[in-house]
Amino acid sequence: QIFYSQDISGDAVRLDEEEAKHCFKVLRHKADDIIHITDGKGNLYQCRIEDHHLAHHRIHILKTITPAR
């Protein structure tokens, strides 16, 4: 499962409303789960969910994986 976000700043990521619903409500991810997020520009981020509240979630980037071109 890879989620998509354009809202990546420093070591934090925010999911848009639809991605957040899918992540937290449908797939039932919660705090301390490890997920992967792409920015659509070829970067993949390994992240840890710190707070899984739908409206004010916090996701921390653990590692950035940029594939060789």
C-alpha atoms as a PDB file:
ATOM      1  CA  GLN A   1       0.000   0.000   0.000  1.00  0.00           C
ATOM      2  CA  ILE A   2       1.371   3.323  -1.081  1.00  0.00           C
ATOM      3  CA  PHE A   3      -0.382   6.580  -0.297  1.00  0.00           C
ATOM      4  CA  TYR A   4      -0.048   9.827  -2.252  1.00  0.00           C
ATOM      5  CA  SER A   5       0.561  13.301  -0.874  1.00  0.00           C
ATOM      6  CA  GLN A   6       1.736  16.638  -2.233  1.00  0.00           C
ATOM      7  CA  ASP A   7       1.818  18.121   1.281  1.00  0.00           C
ATOM      8  CA  ILE A   8       5.346  17.151   2.352  1.00  0.00           C
ATOM      9  CA  SER A   9       7.269  19.632   4.460  1.00  0.00           C
ATOM     10  CA  GLY A  10      10.545  18.863   6.205  1.00  0.00           C
ATOM     11  CA  ASP A  11      10.005  15.569   8.007  1.00  0.00           C
ATOM     12  CA  ALA A  12       6.193  15.746   8.094  1.00  0.00           C
ATOM     13  CA  VAL A  13       3.481  14.622   5.700  1.00  0.00           C
ATOM     14  CA  ARG A  14      -0.234  15.425   5.553  1.00  0.00           C
ATOM     15  CA  LEU A  15      -2.683  13.351   3.569  1.00  0.00           C
ATOM     16  CA  ASP A  16      -5.613  14.958   1.793  1.00  0.00           C
ATOM     17  CA  GLU A  17      -9.092  14.141   3.095  1.00  0.00           C
ATOM     18  CA  GLU A  18      -9.728  11.194   0.780  1.00  0.00           C
ATOM     19  CA  GLU A  19      -6.315   9.572   1.339  1.00  0.00           C
ATOM     20  CA  ALA A  20      -6.654  10.068   5.117  1.00  0.00           C
ATOM     21  CA  LYS A  21     -10.093   8.404   5.139  1.00  0.00           C
ATOM     22  CA  HIS A  22      -8.752   5.464   3.170  1.00  0.00           C
ATOM     23  CA  CYS A  23      -5.700   5.126   5.415  1.00  0.00           C
ATOM     24  CA  PHE A  24      -7.366   5.523   8.805  1.00  0.00           C
ATOM     25  CA  LYS A  25     -10.984   4.447   8.320  1.00  0.00           C
ATOM     26  CA  VAL A  26     -10.858   1.807   5.568  1.00  0.00           C
ATOM     27  CA  LEU A  27      -7.445   0.238   6.192  1.00  0.00           C
ATOM     28  CA  ARG A  28      -7.538   1.054   9.926  1.00  0.00           C
ATOM     29  CA  HIS A  29      -3.958   2.245  10.230  1.00  0.00           C
ATOM     30  CA  LYS A  30      -3.207   3.741  13.632  1.00  0.00           C
ATOM     31  CA  ALA A  31      -0.422   5.406  15.614  1.00  0.00           C
ATOM     32  CA  ASP A  32       2.997   3.729  15.279  1.00  0.00           C
ATOM     33  CA  ASP A  33       2.081   1.966  12.006  1.00  0.00           C
ATOM     34  CA  ILE A  34       4.660   2.247   9.233  1.00  0.00           C
ATOM     35  CA  ILE A  35       3.293   3.343   5.851  1.00  0.00           C
ATOM     36  CA  HIS A  36       4.775   4.413   2.523  1.00  0.00           C
ATOM     37  CA  ILE A  37       3.916   7.661   0.757  1.00  0.00           C
ATOM     38  CA  THR A  38       4.866   8.917  -2.700  1.00  0.00           C
ATOM     39  CA  ASP A  39       4.955  12.513  -3.872  1.00  0.00           C
ATOM     40  CA  GLY A  40       4.342  11.609  -7.519  1.00  0.00           C
ATOM     41  CA  LYS A  41       7.826  12.881  -8.447  1.00  0.00           C
ATOM     42  CA  GLY A  42       9.655   9.583  -8.046  1.00  0.00           C
ATOM     43  CA  ASN A  43      10.278   9.817  -4.303  1.00  0.00           C
ATOM     44  CA  LEU A  44       9.037   7.243  -1.831  1.00  0.00           C
ATOM     45  CA  TYR A  45       8.903   7.984   1.895  1.00  0.00           C
ATOM     46  CA  GLN A  46       8.853   5.445   4.691  1.00  0.00           C
ATOM     47  CA  CYS A  47       6.750   7.055   7.410  1.00  0.00           C
ATOM     48  CA  ARG A  48       5.395   6.436  10.901  1.00  0.00           C
ATOM     49  CA  ILE A  49       1.933   7.556  11.905  1.00  0.00           C
ATOM     50  CA  GLU A  50       2.147   9.572  15.127  1.00  0.00           C
ATOM     51  CA  ASP A  51      -1.538  10.555  15.413  1.00  0.00           C
ATOM     52  CA  HIS A  52      -4.247   8.945  13.304  1.00  0.00           C
ATOM     53  CA  HIS A  53      -7.079  11.389  13.971  1.00  0.00           C
ATOM     54  CA  LEU A  54      -8.734  12.110  10.637  1.00  0.00           C
ATOM     55  CA  ALA A  55      -8.799  15.924  10.908  1.00  0.00           C
ATOM     56  CA  HIS A  56      -5.415  16.513  12.553  1.00  0.00           C
ATOM     57  CA  HIS A  57      -3.240  13.497  11.800  1.00  0.00           C
ATOM     58  CA  ARG A  58       0.543  13.601  12.106  1.00  0.00           C
ATOM     59  CA  ILE A  59       2.841  11.504   9.949  1.00  0.00           C
ATOM     60  CA  HIS A  60       6.621  11.585  10.406  1.00  0.00           C
ATOM     61  CA  ILE A  61       9.082  10.723   7.614  1.00  0.00           C
ATOM     62  CA  LEU A  62      11.583   8.098   8.744  1.00  0.00           C
ATOM     63  CA  LYS A  63      13.426   7.602   5.471  1.00  0.00           C
ATOM     64  CA  THR A  64      13.360   8.976   1.930  1.00  0.00           C
ATOM     65  CA  ILE A  65      13.840   6.445  -0.835  1.00  0.00           C
ATOM     66  CA  THR A  66      14.730   7.999  -4.191  1.00  0.00           C
ATOM     67  CA  PRO A  67      15.186   5.371  -6.898  1.00  0.00           C
ATOM     68  CA  ALA A  68      18.211   5.512  -9.190  1.00  0.00           C
ATOM     69  CA  ARG A  69      17.441   7.134 -12.529  1.00  0.00           C
END
